[in-house]
Amino acid sequence: MGESKRRKAALGDKYGQDERFLAWLPLTKAQSQQFMQWTTRGAWIGIGTLAAVWLTVRIIGPGFGWWQVN
């Protein structure tokens, strides 16, 4: 008997289904990986946006406003 047949016999109806990330949480491992990809991408977009806003406020903004002070 091969390993896959033993695994199929041991798992029964659950054979071939994605494994749960946590037993009590209805998320599969594939869904948790997808969630991590989305949140990581969102974090990098947030960091880039923060850097762009900081550059605008700190460098570009005062450069356009210096002539209005006098």
PDB file of N, CA and C in Angstrom:
ATOM      1  N   MET A   1       0.858  -1.172   0.000  1.00  0.00           N
ATOM      2  CA  MET A   1       0.000   0.000   0.000  1.00  0.00           C
ATOM      3  C   MET A   1       0.899   1.229   0.000  1.00  0.00           C
ATOM      4  N   GLY A   2       0.634   2.161  -0.920  1.00  0.00           N
ATOM      5  CA  GLY A   2       1.433   3.370  -1.022  1.00  0.00           C
ATOM      6  C   GLY A   2       1.054   4.409   0.023  1.00  0.00           C
ATOM      7  N   GLU A   3       1.901   5.421   0.130  1.00  0.00           N
ATOM      8  CA  GLU A   3       1.681   6.483   1.122  1.00  0.00           C
ATOM      9  C   GLU A   3       0.373   7.228   0.859  1.00  0.00           C
ATOM     10  N   SER A   4       0.079   7.502  -0.400  1.00  0.00           N
ATOM     11  CA  SER A   4      -1.149   8.247  -0.703  1.00  0.00           C
ATOM     12  C   SER A   4      -2.390   7.432  -0.342  1.00  0.00           C
ATOM     13  N   LYS A   5      -2.349   6.125  -0.532  1.00  0.00           N
ATOM     14  CA  LYS A   5      -3.499   5.289  -0.167  1.00  0.00           C
ATOM     15  C   LYS A   5      -3.668   5.248   1.351  1.00  0.00           C
ATOM     16  N   ARG A   6      -2.548   5.189   2.078  1.00  0.00           N
ATOM     17  CA  ARG A   6      -2.640   5.218   3.544  1.00  0.00           C
ATOM     18  C   ARG A   6      -3.228   6.543   4.016  1.00  0.00           C
ATOM     19  N   ARG A   7      -2.764   7.636   3.406  1.00  0.00           N
ATOM     20  CA  ARG A   7      -3.270   8.958   3.774  1.00  0.00           C
ATOM     21  C   ARG A   7      -4.755   9.069   3.455  1.00  0.00           C
ATOM     22  N   LYS A   8      -5.166   8.545   2.298  1.00  0.00           N
ATOM     23  CA  LYS A   8      -6.577   8.597   1.909  1.00  0.00           C
ATOM     24  C   LYS A   8      -7.432   7.787   2.872  1.00  0.00           C
ATOM     25  N   ALA A   9      -6.929   6.639   3.282  1.00  0.00           N
ATOM     26  CA  ALA A   9      -7.671   5.804   4.234  1.00  0.00           C
ATOM     27  C   ALA A   9      -7.761   6.482   5.597  1.00  0.00           C
ATOM     28  N   ALA A  10      -6.712   7.160   6.005  1.00  0.00           N
ATOM     29  CA  ALA A  10      -6.701   7.810   7.323  1.00  0.00           C
ATOM     30  C   ALA A  10      -7.591   9.043   7.343  1.00  0.00           C
ATOM     31  N   LEU A  11      -7.592   9.818   6.257  1.00  0.00           N
ATOM     32  CA  LEU A  11      -8.357  11.073   6.239  1.00  0.00           C
ATOM     33  C   LEU A  11      -9.827  10.864   5.893  1.00  0.00           C
ATOM     34  N   GLY A  12     -10.136   9.874   5.133  1.00  0.00           N
ATOM     35  CA  GLY A  12     -11.526   9.597   4.782  1.00  0.00           C
ATOM     36  C   GLY A  12     -12.105  10.680   3.898  1.00  0.00           C
ATOM     37  N   ASP A  13     -13.191  11.320   4.345  1.00  0.00           N
ATOM     38  CA  ASP A  13     -13.884  12.344   3.552  1.00  0.00           C
ATOM     39  C   ASP A  13     -13.069  13.620   3.399  1.00  0.00           C
ATOM     40  N   LYS A  14     -12.135  13.857   4.283  1.00  0.00           N
ATOM     41  CA  LYS A  14     -11.341  15.089   4.230  1.00  0.00           C
ATOM     42  C   LYS A  14     -10.180  15.004   3.236  1.00  0.00           C
ATOM     43  N   TYR A  15      -9.997  13.857   2.597  1.00  0.00           N
ATOM     44  CA  TYR A  15      -8.888  13.675   1.655  1.00  0.00           C
ATOM     45  C   TYR A  15      -9.075  14.584   0.435  1.00  0.00           C
ATOM     46  N   GLY A  16      -8.051  15.337   0.092  1.00  0.00           N
ATOM     47  CA  GLY A  16      -8.096  16.210  -1.079  1.00  0.00           C
ATOM     48  C   GLY A  16      -8.584  17.616  -0.775  1.00  0.00           C
ATOM     49  N   GLN A  17      -9.068  17.852   0.414  1.00  0.00           N
ATOM     50  CA  GLN A  17      -9.521  19.182   0.787  1.00  0.00           C
ATOM     51  C   GLN A  17      -8.360  19.958   1.389  1.00  0.00           C
ATOM     52  N   ASP A  18      -8.434  21.291   1.260  1.00  0.00           N
ATOM     53  CA  ASP A  18      -7.398  22.132   1.849  1.00  0.00           C
ATOM     54  C   ASP A  18      -7.421  22.009   3.364  1.00  0.00           C
ATOM     55  N   GLU A  19      -6.236  22.024   3.938  1.00  0.00           N
ATOM     56  CA  GLU A  19      -6.119  21.928   5.390  1.00  0.00           C
ATOM     57  C   GLU A  19      -6.444  23.273   6.024  1.00  0.00           C
ATOM     58  N   ARG A  20      -7.088  23.230   7.168  1.00  0.00           N
ATOM     59  CA  ARG A  20      -7.451  24.457   7.883  1.00  0.00           C
ATOM     60  C   ARG A  20      -6.229  25.093   8.507  1.00  0.00           C
ATOM     61  N   PHE A  21      -6.206  26.436   8.529  1.00  0.00           N
ATOM     62  CA  PHE A  21      -5.120  27.182   9.158  1.00  0.00           C
ATOM     63  C   PHE A  21      -5.159  26.958  10.668  1.00  0.00           C
ATOM     64  N   LEU A  22      -6.313  27.174  11.252  1.00  0.00           N
ATOM     65  CA  LEU A  22      -6.577  26.849  12.655  1.00  0.00           C
ATOM     66  C   LEU A  22      -7.844  26.009  12.681  1.00  0.00           C
ATOM     67  N   ALA A  23      -7.927  25.067  13.567  1.00  0.00           N
ATOM     68  CA  ALA A  23      -9.063  24.153  13.586  1.00  0.00           C
ATOM     69  C   ALA A  23     -10.391  24.882  13.820  1.00  0.00           C
ATOM     70  N   TRP A  24     -10.378  25.913  14.650  1.00  0.00           N
ATOM     71  CA  TRP A  24     -11.615  26.606  14.995  1.00  0.00           C
ATOM     72  C   TRP A  24     -11.919  27.775  14.062  1.00  0.00           C
ATOM     73  N   LEU A  25     -11.016  28.110  13.158  1.00  0.00           N
ATOM     74  CA  LEU A  25     -11.189  29.237  12.244  1.00  0.00           C
ATOM     75  C   LEU A  25     -11.470  28.701  10.840  1.00  0.00           C
ATOM     76  N   PRO A  26     -12.561  29.142  10.211  1.00  0.00           N
ATOM     77  CA  PRO A  26     -12.912  28.584   8.898  1.00  0.00           C
ATOM     78  C   PRO A  26     -12.071  29.162   7.757  1.00  0.00           C
ATOM     79  N   LEU A  27     -10.754  29.139   7.889  1.00  0.00           N
ATOM     80  CA  LEU A  27      -9.838  29.591   6.850  1.00  0.00           C
ATOM     81  C   LEU A  27      -8.886  28.467   6.492  1.00  0.00           C
ATOM     82  N   THR A  28      -8.631  28.315   5.198  1.00  0.00           N
ATOM     83  CA  THR A  28      -7.666  27.318   4.774  1.00  0.00           C
ATOM     84  C   THR A  28      -6.276  27.949   4.729  1.00  0.00           C
ATOM     85  N   LYS A  29      -5.270  27.125   4.569  1.00  0.00           N
ATOM     86  CA  LYS A  29      -3.908  27.640   4.492  1.00  0.00           C
ATOM     87  C   LYS A  29      -3.733  28.514   3.255  1.00  0.00           C
ATOM     88  N   ALA A  30      -4.372  28.142   2.160  1.00  0.00           N
ATOM     89  CA  ALA A  30      -4.271  28.949   0.937  1.00  0.00           C
ATOM     90  C   ALA A  30      -4.897  30.328   1.148  1.00  0.00           C
ATOM     91  N   GLN A  31      -6.023  30.386   1.842  1.00  0.00           N
ATOM     92  CA  GLN A  31      -6.665  31.667   2.123  1.00  0.00           C
ATOM     93  C   GLN A  31      -5.814  32.518   3.051  1.00  0.00           C
ATOM     94  N   SER A  32      -5.145  31.898   4.009  1.00  0.00           N
ATOM     95  CA  SER A  32      -4.300  32.673   4.922  1.00  0.00           C
ATOM     96  C   SER A  32      -3.082  33.228   4.178  1.00  0.00           C
ATOM     97  N   GLN A  33      -2.533  32.471   3.230  1.00  0.00           N
ATOM     98  CA  GLN A  33      -1.422  32.969   2.421  1.00  0.00           C
ATOM     99  C   GLN A  33      -1.874  34.138   1.550  1.00  0.00           C
ATOM    100  N   GLN A  34      -3.067  34.033   0.979  1.00  0.00           N
ATOM    101  CA  GLN A  34      -3.602  35.122   0.160  1.00  0.00           C
ATOM    102  C   GLN A  34      -3.832  36.374   1.007  1.00  0.00           C
ATOM    103  N   PHE A  35      -4.319  36.208   2.225  1.00  0.00           N
ATOM    104  CA  PHE A  35      -4.517  37.326   3.131  1.00  0.00           C
ATOM    105  C   PHE A  35      -3.192  38.012   3.450  1.00  0.00           C
ATOM    106  N   MET A  36      -2.155  37.219   3.680  1.00  0.00           N
ATOM    107  CA  MET A  36      -0.835  37.776   3.963  1.00  0.00           C
ATOM    108  C   MET A  36      -0.296  38.557   2.768  1.00  0.00           C
ATOM    109  N   GLN A  37      -0.523  38.069   1.561  1.00  0.00           N
ATOM    110  CA  GLN A  37      -0.069  38.779   0.364  1.00  0.00           C
ATOM    111  C   GLN A  37      -0.773  40.122   0.233  1.00  0.00           C
ATOM    112  N   TRP A  38      -2.085  40.144   0.443  1.00  0.00           N
ATOM    113  CA  TRP A  38      -2.845  41.391   0.331  1.00  0.00           C
ATOM    114  C   TRP A  38      -2.443  42.400   1.391  1.00  0.00           C
ATOM    115  N   THR A  39      -2.278  41.942   2.634  1.00  0.00           N
ATOM    116  CA  THR A  39      -1.926  42.882   3.696  1.00  0.00           C
ATOM    117  C   THR A  39      -0.506  43.404   3.532  1.00  0.00           C
ATOM    118  N   THR A  40       0.397  42.563   3.042  1.00  0.00           N
ATOM    119  CA  THR A  40       1.763  43.023   2.788  1.00  0.00           C
ATOM    120  C   THR A  40       1.778  44.062   1.676  1.00  0.00           C
ATOM    121  N   ARG A  41       1.043  43.807   0.612  1.00  0.00           N
ATOM    122  CA  ARG A  41       0.951  44.775  -0.486  1.00  0.00           C
ATOM    123  C   ARG A  41       0.332  46.085   0.007  1.00  0.00           C
ATOM    124  N   GLY A  42      -0.706  45.988   0.819  1.00  0.00           N
ATOM    125  CA  GLY A  42      -1.338  47.185   1.366  1.00  0.00           C
ATOM    126  C   GLY A  42      -0.407  47.974   2.268  1.00  0.00           C
ATOM    127  N   ALA A  43       0.403  47.277   3.038  1.00  0.00           N
ATOM    128  CA  ALA A  43       1.363  47.962   3.911  1.00  0.00           C
ATOM    129  C   ALA A  43       2.392  48.723   3.085  1.00  0.00           C
ATOM    130  N   TRP A  44       2.897  48.127   2.016  1.00  0.00           N
ATOM    131  CA  TRP A  44       3.881  48.807   1.168  1.00  0.00           C
ATOM    132  C   TRP A  44       3.265  49.995   0.451  1.00  0.00           C
ATOM    133  N   ILE A  45       2.015  49.878   0.043  1.00  0.00           N
ATOM    134  CA  ILE A  45       1.328  51.024  -0.571  1.00  0.00           C
ATOM    135  C   ILE A  45       1.187  52.146   0.448  1.00  0.00           C
ATOM    136  N   GLY A  46       0.848  51.801   1.687  1.00  0.00           N
ATOM    137  CA  GLY A  46       0.748  52.797   2.749  1.00  0.00           C
ATOM    138  C   GLY A  46       2.077  53.471   3.042  1.00  0.00           C
ATOM    139  N   ILE A  47       3.156  52.704   3.054  1.00  0.00           N
ATOM    140  CA  ILE A  47       4.485  53.276   3.295  1.00  0.00           C
ATOM    141  C   ILE A  47       4.857  54.233   2.170  1.00  0.00           C
ATOM    142  N   GLY A  48       4.593  53.832   0.928  1.00  0.00           N
ATOM    143  CA  GLY A  48       4.885  54.702  -0.219  1.00  0.00           C
ATOM    144  C   GLY A  48       4.074  55.981  -0.196  1.00  0.00           C
ATOM    145  N   THR A  49       2.798  55.874   0.156  1.00  0.00           N
ATOM    146  CA  THR A  49       1.939  57.053   0.261  1.00  0.00           C
ATOM    147  C   THR A  49       2.427  57.975   1.367  1.00  0.00           C
ATOM    148  N   LEU A  50       2.795  57.417   2.507  1.00  0.00           N
ATOM    149  CA  LEU A  50       3.318  58.216   3.609  1.00  0.00           C
ATOM    150  C   LEU A  50       4.587  58.955   3.197  1.00  0.00           C
ATOM    151  N   ALA A  51       5.494  58.283   2.476  1.00  0.00           N
ATOM    152  CA  ALA A  51       6.725  58.927   2.023  1.00  0.00           C
ATOM    153  C   ALA A  51       6.429  60.052   1.036  1.00  0.00           C
ATOM    154  N   ALA A  52       5.474  59.823   0.130  1.00  0.00           N
ATOM    155  CA  ALA A  52       5.120  60.862  -0.845  1.00  0.00           C
ATOM    156  C   ALA A  52       4.503  62.079  -0.160  1.00  0.00           C
ATOM    157  N   VAL A  53       3.628  61.856   0.798  1.00  0.00           N
ATOM    158  CA  VAL A  53       3.007  62.968   1.526  1.00  0.00           C
ATOM    159  C   VAL A  53       4.070  63.704   2.343  1.00  0.00           C
ATOM    160  N   TRP A  54       4.966  62.975   2.972  1.00  0.00           N
ATOM    161  CA  TRP A  54       6.020  63.608   3.760  1.00  0.00           C
ATOM    162  C   TRP A  54       6.907  64.475   2.874  1.00  0.00           C
ATOM    163  N   LEU A  55       7.300  63.951   1.704  1.00  0.00           N
ATOM    164  CA  LEU A  55       8.108  64.751   0.784  1.00  0.00           C
ATOM    165  C   LEU A  55       7.372  66.008   0.335  1.00  0.00           C
ATOM    166  N   THR A  56       6.099  65.875   0.051  1.00  0.00           N
ATOM    167  CA  THR A  56       5.311  67.027  -0.386  1.00  0.00           C
ATOM    168  C   THR A  56       5.240  68.086   0.703  1.00  0.00           C
ATOM    169  N   VAL A  57       4.945  67.686   1.911  1.00  0.00           N
ATOM    170  CA  VAL A  57       4.796  68.647   3.007  1.00  0.00           C
ATOM    171  C   VAL A  57       6.149  69.235   3.411  1.00  0.00           C
ATOM    172  N   ARG A  58       7.173  68.416   3.454  1.00  0.00           N
ATOM    173  CA  ARG A  58       8.464  68.846   3.983  1.00  0.00           C
ATOM    174  C   ARG A  58       9.319  69.606   2.966  1.00  0.00           C
ATOM    175  N   ILE A  59       9.302  69.202   1.704  1.00  0.00           N
ATOM    176  CA  ILE A  59      10.211  69.780   0.716  1.00  0.00           C
ATOM    177  C   ILE A  59       9.479  70.613  -0.336  1.00  0.00           C
ATOM    178  N   ILE A  60       8.488  70.029  -0.967  1.00  0.00           N
ATOM    179  CA  ILE A  60       7.829  70.719  -2.081  1.00  0.00           C
ATOM    180  C   ILE A  60       6.949  71.862  -1.583  1.00  0.00           C
ATOM    181  N   GLY A  61       6.220  71.640  -0.503  1.00  0.00           N
ATOM    182  CA  GLY A  61       5.331  72.670   0.031  1.00  0.00           C
ATOM    183  C   GLY A  61       6.033  73.968   0.389  1.00  0.00           C
ATOM    184  N   PRO A  62       7.075  73.940   1.184  1.00  0.00           N
ATOM    185  CA  PRO A  62       7.785  75.181   1.514  1.00  0.00           C
ATOM    186  C   PRO A  62       8.438  75.823   0.292  1.00  0.00           C
ATOM    187  N   GLY A  63       8.822  75.048  -0.687  1.00  0.00           N
ATOM    188  CA  GLY A  63       9.414  75.611  -1.909  1.00  0.00           C
ATOM    189  C   GLY A  63       8.424  76.467  -2.676  1.00  0.00           C
ATOM    190  N   PHE A  64       7.162  76.127  -2.651  1.00  0.00           N
ATOM    191  CA  PHE A  64       6.144  76.923  -3.336  1.00  0.00           C
ATOM    192  C   PHE A  64       5.647  78.094  -2.492  1.00  0.00           C
ATOM    193  N   GLY A  65       5.849  78.056  -1.194  1.00  0.00           N
ATOM    194  CA  GLY A  65       5.300  79.089  -0.333  1.00  0.00           C
ATOM    195  C   GLY A  65       6.280  80.146   0.132  1.00  0.00           C
ATOM    196  N   TRP A  66       7.539  80.088  -0.230  1.00  0.00           N
ATOM    197  CA  TRP A  66       8.541  81.026   0.293  1.00  0.00           C
ATOM    198  C   TRP A  66       8.300  82.447  -0.190  1.00  0.00           C
ATOM    199  N   TRP A  67       7.764  82.654  -1.384  1.00  0.00           N
ATOM    200  CA  TRP A  67       7.611  84.001  -1.931  1.00  0.00           C
ATOM    201  C   TRP A  67       6.380  84.696  -1.359  1.00  0.00           C
ATOM    202  N   GLN A  68       5.460  83.979  -0.722  1.00  0.00           N
ATOM    203  CA  GLN A  68       4.253  84.602  -0.189  1.00  0.00           C
ATOM    204  C   GLN A  68       4.472  85.146   1.206  1.00  0.00           C
ATOM    205  N   VAL A  69       5.556  84.797   1.886  1.00  0.00           N
ATOM    206  CA  VAL A  69       5.800  85.232   3.254  1.00  0.00           C
ATOM    207  C   VAL A  69       6.171  86.702   3.284  1.00  0.00           C
ATOM    208  N   ASN A  70       6.962  87.187   2.344  1.00  0.00           N
ATOM    209  CA  ASN A  70       7.454  88.576   2.355  1.00  0.00           C
ATOM    210  C   ASN A  70       6.410  89.535   1.886  1.00  0.00           C
TER     211      ASN A  70
END
